[in-house]
Amino acid sequence: VVAQESTAKSELPEGGVILFQGDSITDAGRD
């Protein structure tokens, strides 16, 4: 079972910022 796929690919604006937030699963040993 997988996520319902979005019908259209999103675009990112110039210099778009993607931020991942959370706990150790997201941290994953980052510096």
PDB file of all heavy atoms in Angstrom:
ATOM      1  N   VAL A   1       0.860  -1.174   0.000  1.00  0.00           N
ATOM      2  CA  VAL A   1       0.000   0.000   0.000  1.00  0.00           C
ATOM      3  C   VAL A   1       0.892   1.219   0.000  1.00  0.00           C
ATOM      4  O   VAL A   1       1.794   1.332   0.824  1.00  0.00           O
ATOM      5  CB  VAL A   1      -0.907   0.008   1.248  1.00  0.00           C
ATOM      6  CG1 VAL A   1      -1.778   1.251   1.269  1.00  0.00           C
ATOM      7  CG2 VAL A   1      -1.767  -1.249   1.279  1.00  0.00           C
ATOM      8  N   VAL A   2       0.684   2.139  -0.921  1.00  0.00           N
ATOM      9  CA  VAL A   2       1.532   3.314  -1.024  1.00  0.00           C
ATOM     10  C   VAL A   2       0.686   4.566  -0.947  1.00  0.00           C
ATOM     11  O   VAL A   2      -0.536   4.524  -1.054  1.00  0.00           O
ATOM     12  CB  VAL A   2       2.338   3.316  -2.355  1.00  0.00           C
ATOM     13  CG1 VAL A   2       3.277   2.134  -2.396  1.00  0.00           C
ATOM     14  CG2 VAL A   2       1.401   3.288  -3.561  1.00  0.00           C
ATOM     15  N   ALA A   3       1.350   5.684  -0.768  1.00  0.00           N
ATOM     16  CA  ALA A   3       0.653   6.959  -0.717  1.00  0.00           C
ATOM     17  C   ALA A   3      -0.011   7.253  -2.051  1.00  0.00           C
ATOM     18  O   ALA A   3       0.486   6.865  -3.107  1.00  0.00           O
ATOM     19  CB  ALA A   3       1.643   8.079  -0.388  1.00  0.00           C
ATOM     20  N   GLN A   4      -1.154   7.924  -2.001  1.00  0.00           N
ATOM     21  CA  GLN A   4      -1.812   8.346  -3.225  1.00  0.00           C
ATOM     22  C   GLN A   4      -0.924   9.356  -3.933  1.00  0.00           C
ATOM     23  O   GLN A   4      -0.564  10.392  -3.373  1.00  0.00           O
ATOM     24  CB  GLN A   4      -3.169   8.994  -2.904  1.00  0.00           C
ATOM     25  CG  GLN A   4      -3.943   9.444  -4.130  1.00  0.00           C
ATOM     26  CD  GLN A   4      -4.366   8.281  -5.005  1.00  0.00           C
ATOM     27  OE1 GLN A   4      -4.800   7.254  -4.504  1.00  0.00           O
ATOM     28  NE2 GLN A   4      -4.214   8.428  -6.294  1.00  0.00           N
ATOM     29  N   GLU A   5      -0.569   9.066  -5.162  1.00  0.00           N
ATOM     30  CA  GLU A   5       0.353   9.934  -5.866  1.00  0.00           C
ATOM     31  C   GLU A   5      -0.335  11.211  -6.308  1.00  0.00           C
ATOM     32  O   GLU A   5      -1.474  11.195  -6.785  1.00  0.00           O
ATOM     33  CB  GLU A   5       0.936   9.214  -7.080  1.00  0.00           C
ATOM     34  CG  GLU A   5       2.070   9.979  -7.723  1.00  0.00           C
ATOM     35  CD  GLU A   5       2.995   9.064  -8.511  1.00  0.00           C
ATOM     36  OE1 GLU A   5       2.744   7.860  -8.551  1.00  0.00           O
ATOM     37  OE2 GLU A   5       3.959   9.586  -9.073  1.00  0.00           O
ATOM     38  N   SER A   6       0.342  12.329  -6.126  1.00  0.00           N
ATOM     39  CA  SER A   6      -0.204  13.609  -6.530  1.00  0.00           C
ATOM     40  C   SER A   6      -0.414  13.627  -8.040  1.00  0.00           C
ATOM     41  O   SER A   6       0.354  13.046  -8.801  1.00  0.00           O
ATOM     42  CB  SER A   6       0.762  14.738  -6.130  1.00  0.00           C
ATOM     43  OG  SER A   6       0.241  15.985  -6.473  1.00  0.00           O
ATOM     44  N   THR A   7      -1.472  14.281  -8.491  1.00  0.00           N
ATOM     45  CA  THR A   7      -1.814  14.261  -9.908  1.00  0.00           C
ATOM     46  C   THR A   7      -0.875  15.100 -10.763  1.00  0.00           C
ATOM     47  O   THR A   7      -0.770  14.890 -11.957  1.00  0.00           O
ATOM     48  CB  THR A   7      -3.246  14.773 -10.114  1.00  0.00           C
ATOM     49  OG1 THR A   7      -3.364  16.087  -9.530  1.00  0.00           O
ATOM     50  CG2 THR A   7      -4.248  13.833  -9.440  1.00  0.00           C
ATOM     51  N   ALA A   8      -0.196  16.058 -10.181  1.00  0.00           N
ATOM     52  CA  ALA A   8       0.713  16.904 -10.952  1.00  0.00           C
ATOM     53  C   ALA A   8       1.952  17.198 -10.134  1.00  0.00           C
ATOM     54  O   ALA A   8       1.883  17.374  -8.927  1.00  0.00           O
ATOM     55  CB  ALA A   8       0.018  18.222 -11.336  1.00  0.00           C
ATOM     56  N   LYS A   9       3.060  17.243 -10.800  1.00  0.00           N
ATOM     57  CA  LYS A   9       4.313  17.526 -10.109  1.00  0.00           C
ATOM     58  C   LYS A   9       4.350  18.999  -9.703  1.00  0.00           C
ATOM     59  O   LYS A   9       4.091  19.885 -10.502  1.00  0.00           O
ATOM     60  CB  LYS A   9       5.502  17.198 -11.010  1.00  0.00           C
ATOM     61  CG  LYS A   9       6.842  17.401 -10.343  1.00  0.00           C
ATOM     62  CD  LYS A   9       7.968  16.890 -11.210  1.00  0.00           C
ATOM     63  CE  LYS A   9       9.313  17.100 -10.530  1.00  0.00           C
ATOM     64  NZ  LYS A   9      10.434  16.585 -11.326  1.00  0.00           N
ATOM     65  N   SER A  10       4.669  19.233  -8.450  1.00  0.00           N
ATOM     66  CA  SER A  10       4.775  20.598  -7.957  1.00  0.00           C
ATOM     67  C   SER A  10       6.067  21.220  -8.447  1.00  0.00           C
ATOM     68  O   SER A  10       7.031  20.534  -8.756  1.00  0.00           O
ATOM     69  CB  SER A  10       4.746  20.608  -6.426  1.00  0.00           C
ATOM     70  OG  SER A  10       3.553  20.058  -5.935  1.00  0.00           O
ATOM     71  N   GLU A  11       6.077  22.518  -8.506  1.00  0.00           N
ATOM     72  CA  GLU A  11       7.288  23.243  -8.864  1.00  0.00           C
ATOM     73  C   GLU A  11       7.804  23.973  -7.634  1.00  0.00           C
ATOM     74  O   GLU A  11       7.037  24.340  -6.750  1.00  0.00           O
ATOM     75  CB  GLU A  11       7.002  24.239  -9.991  1.00  0.00           C
ATOM     76  CG  GLU A  11       6.614  23.581 -11.303  1.00  0.00           C
ATOM     77  CD  GLU A  11       7.693  22.643 -11.851  1.00  0.00           C
ATOM     78  OE1 GLU A  11       8.894  22.940 -11.668  1.00  0.00           O
ATOM     79  OE2 GLU A  11       7.337  21.610 -12.426  1.00  0.00           O
ATOM     80  N   LEU A  12       9.091  24.155  -7.596  1.00  0.00           N
ATOM     81  CA  LEU A  12       9.704  24.916  -6.517  1.00  0.00           C
ATOM     82  C   LEU A  12      10.131  26.269  -7.054  1.00  0.00           C
ATOM     83  O   LEU A  12      10.707  26.347  -8.140  1.00  0.00           O
ATOM     84  CB  LEU A  12      10.923  24.180  -5.967  1.00  0.00           C
ATOM     85  CG  LEU A  12      10.652  22.902  -5.175  1.00  0.00           C
ATOM     86  CD1 LEU A  12      11.965  22.238  -4.798  1.00  0.00           C
ATOM     87  CD2 LEU A  12       9.826  23.190  -3.929  1.00  0.00           C
ATOM     88  N   PRO A  13       9.859  27.344  -6.328  1.00  0.00           N
ATOM     89  CA  PRO A  13      10.293  28.659  -6.790  1.00  0.00           C
ATOM     90  C   PRO A  13      11.807  28.782  -6.716  1.00  0.00           C
ATOM     91  O   PRO A  13      12.489  27.994  -6.057  1.00  0.00           O
ATOM     92  CB  PRO A  13       9.613  29.613  -5.806  1.00  0.00           C
ATOM     93  CG  PRO A  13       9.448  28.800  -4.564  1.00  0.00           C
ATOM     94  CD  PRO A  13       9.170  27.404  -5.030  1.00  0.00           C
ATOM     95  N   GLU A  14      12.338  29.761  -7.374  1.00  0.00           N
ATOM     96  CA  GLU A  14      13.777  30.028  -7.328  1.00  0.00           C
ATOM     97  C   GLU A  14      14.222  30.180  -5.874  1.00  0.00           C
ATOM     98  O   GLU A  14      13.661  30.963  -5.111  1.00  0.00           O
ATOM     99  CB  GLU A  14      14.094  31.320  -8.091  1.00  0.00           C
ATOM    100  CG  GLU A  14      15.564  31.685  -8.146  1.00  0.00           C
ATOM    101  CD  GLU A  14      16.355  30.835  -9.141  1.00  0.00           C
ATOM    102  OE1 GLU A  14      15.725  30.225 -10.015  1.00  0.00           O
ATOM    103  OE2 GLU A  14      17.593  30.812  -9.040  1.00  0.00           O
ATOM    104  N   GLY A  15      15.219  29.386  -5.494  1.00  0.00           N
ATOM    105  CA  GLY A  15      15.723  29.454  -4.129  1.00  0.00           C
ATOM    106  C   GLY A  15      14.773  28.937  -3.073  1.00  0.00           C
ATOM    107  O   GLY A  15      14.928  29.252  -1.888  1.00  0.00           O
ATOM    108  N   GLY A  16      13.794  28.118  -3.469  1.00  0.00           N
ATOM    109  CA  GLY A  16      12.816  27.579  -2.528  1.00  0.00           C
ATOM    110  C   GLY A  16      13.489  26.823  -1.388  1.00  0.00           C
ATOM    111  O   GLY A  16      14.475  26.105  -1.594  1.00  0.00           O
ATOM    112  N   VAL A  17      12.952  26.981  -0.184  1.00  0.00           N
ATOM    113  CA  VAL A  17      13.517  26.363   1.017  1.00  0.00           C
ATOM    114  C   VAL A  17      12.653  25.179   1.447  1.00  0.00           C
ATOM    115  O   VAL A  17      11.445  25.326   1.644  1.00  0.00           O
ATOM    116  CB  VAL A  17      13.608  27.383   2.166  1.00  0.00           C
ATOM    117  CG1 VAL A  17      14.041  26.697   3.464  1.00  0.00           C
ATOM    118  CG2 VAL A  17      14.574  28.503   1.808  1.00  0.00           C
ATOM    119  N   ILE A  18      13.274  24.011   1.574  1.00  0.00           N
ATOM    120  CA  ILE A  18      12.595  22.818   2.068  1.00  0.00           C
ATOM    121  C   ILE A  18      13.183  22.479   3.430  1.00  0.00           C
ATOM    122  O   ILE A  18      14.388  22.275   3.555  1.00  0.00           O
ATOM    123  CB  ILE A  18      12.766  21.638   1.103  1.00  0.00           C
ATOM    124  CG1 ILE A  18      12.226  22.013  -0.282  1.00  0.00           C
ATOM    125  CG2 ILE A  18      12.051  20.398   1.630  1.00  0.00           C
ATOM    126  CD1 ILE A  18      12.569  21.010  -1.359  1.00  0.00           C
ATOM    127  N   LEU A  19      12.333  22.442   4.439  1.00  0.00           N
ATOM    128  CA  LEU A  19      12.783  22.233   5.815  1.00  0.00           C
ATOM    129  C   LEU A  19      12.175  20.957   6.379  1.00  0.00           C
ATOM    130  O   LEU A  19      10.949  20.781   6.377  1.00  0.00           O
ATOM    131  CB  LEU A  19      12.370  23.424   6.680  1.00  0.00           C
ATOM    132  CG  LEU A  19      12.574  23.299   8.194  1.00  0.00           C
ATOM    133  CD1 LEU A  19      14.037  23.097   8.548  1.00  0.00           C
ATOM    134  CD2 LEU A  19      12.003  24.526   8.901  1.00  0.00           C
ATOM    135  N   PHE A  20      13.033  20.071   6.882  1.00  0.00           N
ATOM    136  CA  PHE A  20      12.581  18.846   7.537  1.00  0.00           C
ATOM    137  C   PHE A  20      12.723  19.007   9.043  1.00  0.00           C
ATOM    138  O   PHE A  20      13.794  19.354   9.540  1.00  0.00           O
ATOM    139  CB  PHE A  20      13.400  17.647   7.045  1.00  0.00           C
ATOM    140  CG  PHE A  20      13.160  17.326   5.598  1.00  0.00           C
ATOM    141  CD1 PHE A  20      14.036  17.766   4.619  1.00  0.00           C
ATOM    142  CD2 PHE A  20      12.037  16.606   5.213  1.00  0.00           C
ATOM    143  CE1 PHE A  20      13.808  17.498   3.276  1.00  0.00           C
ATOM    144  CE2 PHE A  20      11.789  16.322   3.872  1.00  0.00           C
ATOM    145  CZ  PHE A  20      12.680  16.763   2.901  1.00  0.00           C
ATOM    146  N   GLN A  21      11.622  18.756   9.749  1.00  0.00           N
ATOM    147  CA  GLN A  21      11.574  18.905  11.192  1.00  0.00           C
ATOM    148  C   GLN A  21      11.118  17.621  11.857  1.00  0.00           C
ATOM    149  O   GLN A  21      10.311  16.873  11.296  1.00  0.00           O
ATOM    150  CB  GLN A  21      10.610  20.031  11.572  1.00  0.00           C
ATOM    151  CG  GLN A  21      11.229  21.410  11.589  1.00  0.00           C
ATOM    152  CD  GLN A  21      12.166  21.602  12.773  1.00  0.00           C
ATOM    153  OE1 GLN A  21      12.361  20.701  13.589  1.00  0.00           O
ATOM    154  NE2 GLN A  21      12.751  22.777  12.881  1.00  0.00           N
ATOM    155  N   GLY A  22      11.619  17.368  13.067  1.00  0.00           N
ATOM    156  CA  GLY A  22      11.169  16.192  13.787  1.00  0.00           C
ATOM    157  C   GLY A  22      12.128  15.761  14.870  1.00  0.00           C
ATOM    158  O   GLY A  22      12.845  16.580  15.454  1.00  0.00           O
ATOM    159  N   ASP A  23      12.157  14.446  15.097  1.00  0.00           N
ATOM    160  CA  ASP A  23      12.968  13.861  16.163  1.00  0.00           C
ATOM    161  C   ASP A  23      14.147  13.100  15.580  1.00  0.00           C
ATOM    162  O   ASP A  23      14.667  13.472  14.526  1.00  0.00           O
ATOM    163  CB  ASP A  23      12.082  12.983  17.056  1.00  0.00           C
ATOM    164  CG  ASP A  23      11.245  11.993  16.248  1.00  0.00           C
ATOM    165  OD1 ASP A  23      11.764  11.440  15.259  1.00  0.00           O
ATOM    166  OD2 ASP A  23      10.077  11.751  16.603  1.00  0.00           O
ATOM    167  N   SER A  24      14.569  12.025  16.231  1.00  0.00           N
ATOM    168  CA  SER A  24      15.761  11.297  15.784  1.00  0.00           C
ATOM    169  C   SER A  24      15.599  10.651  14.419  1.00  0.00           C
ATOM    170  O   SER A  24      16.581  10.458  13.695  1.00  0.00           O
ATOM    171  CB  SER A  24      16.141  10.226  16.810  1.00  0.00           C
ATOM    172  OG  SER A  24      15.069   9.327  17.012  1.00  0.00           O
ATOM    173  N   ILE A  25      14.378  10.300  14.042  1.00  0.00           N
ATOM    174  CA  ILE A  25      14.157   9.702  12.729  1.00  0.00           C
ATOM    175  C   ILE A  25      14.550  10.691  11.642  1.00  0.00           C
ATOM    176  O   ILE A  25      15.128  10.326  10.615  1.00  0.00           O
ATOM    177  CB  ILE A  25      12.696   9.262  12.578  1.00  0.00           C
ATOM    178  CG1 ILE A  25      12.360   8.192  13.621  1.00  0.00           C
ATOM    179  CG2 ILE A  25      12.426   8.738  11.165  1.00  0.00           C
ATOM    180  CD1 ILE A  25      10.879   7.862  13.701  1.00  0.00           C
ATOM    181  N   THR A  26      14.243  11.959  11.855  1.00  0.00           N
ATOM    182  CA  THR A  26      14.611  13.015  10.908  1.00  0.00           C
ATOM    183  C   THR A  26      16.055  13.447  11.123  1.00  0.00           C
ATOM    184  O   THR A  26      16.811  13.617  10.157  1.00  0.00           O
ATOM    185  CB  THR A  26      13.666  14.219  11.078  1.00  0.00           C
ATOM    186  OG1 THR A  26      12.319  13.789  10.856  1.00  0.00           O
ATOM    187  CG2 THR A  26      14.013  15.334  10.101  1.00  0.00           C
ATOM    188  N   ASP A  27      16.454  13.616  12.365  1.00  0.00           N
ATOM    189  CA  ASP A  27      17.826  14.000  12.723  1.00  0.00           C
ATOM    190  C   ASP A  27      18.833  13.082  12.040  1.00  0.00           C
ATOM    191  O   ASP A  27      19.762  13.541  11.340  1.00  0.00           O
ATOM    192  CB  ASP A  27      17.964  13.920  14.242  1.00  0.00           C
ATOM    193  CG  ASP A  27      19.314  14.354  14.780  1.00  0.00           C
ATOM    194  OD1 ASP A  27      20.332  14.186  14.077  1.00  0.00           O
ATOM    195  OD2 ASP A  27      19.364  14.836  15.924  1.00  0.00           O
ATOM    196  N   ALA A  28      18.677  11.775  12.247  1.00  0.00           N
ATOM    197  CA  ALA A  28      19.482  10.752  11.574  1.00  0.00           C
ATOM    198  C   ALA A  28      20.983  11.045  11.643  1.00  0.00           C
ATOM    199  O   ALA A  28      21.700  10.918  10.651  1.00  0.00           O
ATOM    200  CB  ALA A  28      19.032  10.586  10.128  1.00  0.00           C
ATOM    201  N   GLY A  29      21.448  11.450  12.819  1.00  0.00           N
ATOM    202  CA  GLY A  29      22.875  11.637  13.027  1.00  0.00           C
ATOM    203  C   GLY A  29      23.484  12.848  12.351  1.00  0.00           C
ATOM    204  O   GLY A  29      24.700  12.893  12.132  1.00  0.00           O
ATOM    205  N   ARG A  30      22.685  13.856  12.068  1.00  0.00           N
ATOM    206  CA  ARG A  30      23.225  15.045  11.390  1.00  0.00           C
ATOM    207  C   ARG A  30      24.224  15.783  12.279  1.00  0.00           C
ATOM    208  O   ARG A  30      24.157  15.719  13.509  1.00  0.00           O
ATOM    209  CB  ARG A  30      22.099  15.997  10.978  1.00  0.00           C
ATOM    210  CG  ARG A  30      21.401  16.701  12.133  1.00  0.00           C
ATOM    211  CD  ARG A  30      20.273  17.588  11.632  1.00  0.00           C
ATOM    212  NE  ARG A  30      19.559  18.239  12.721  1.00  0.00           N
ATOM    213  CZ  ARG A  30      19.872  19.414  13.247  1.00  0.00           C
ATOM    214  NH1 ARG A  30      20.913  20.086  12.776  1.00  0.00           N
ATOM    215  NH2 ARG A  30      19.168  19.939  14.231  1.00  0.00           N
ATOM    216  N   ASP A  31      25.131  16.509  11.653  1.00  0.00           N
ATOM    217  CA  ASP A  31      26.076  17.372  12.362  1.00  0.00           C
ATOM    218  C   ASP A  31      25.380  18.709  12.589  1.00  0.00           C
ATOM    219  O   ASP A  31      25.135  19.460  11.650  1.00  0.00           O
ATOM    220  CB  ASP A  31      27.338  17.556  11.507  1.00  0.00           C
ATOM    221  CG  ASP A  31      28.385  18.430  12.177  1.00  0.00           C
ATOM    222  OD1 ASP A  31      28.075  19.072  13.210  1.00  0.00           O
ATOM    223  OD2 ASP A  31      29.508  18.500  11.647  1.00  0.00           O
TER     224      ASP A  31
END
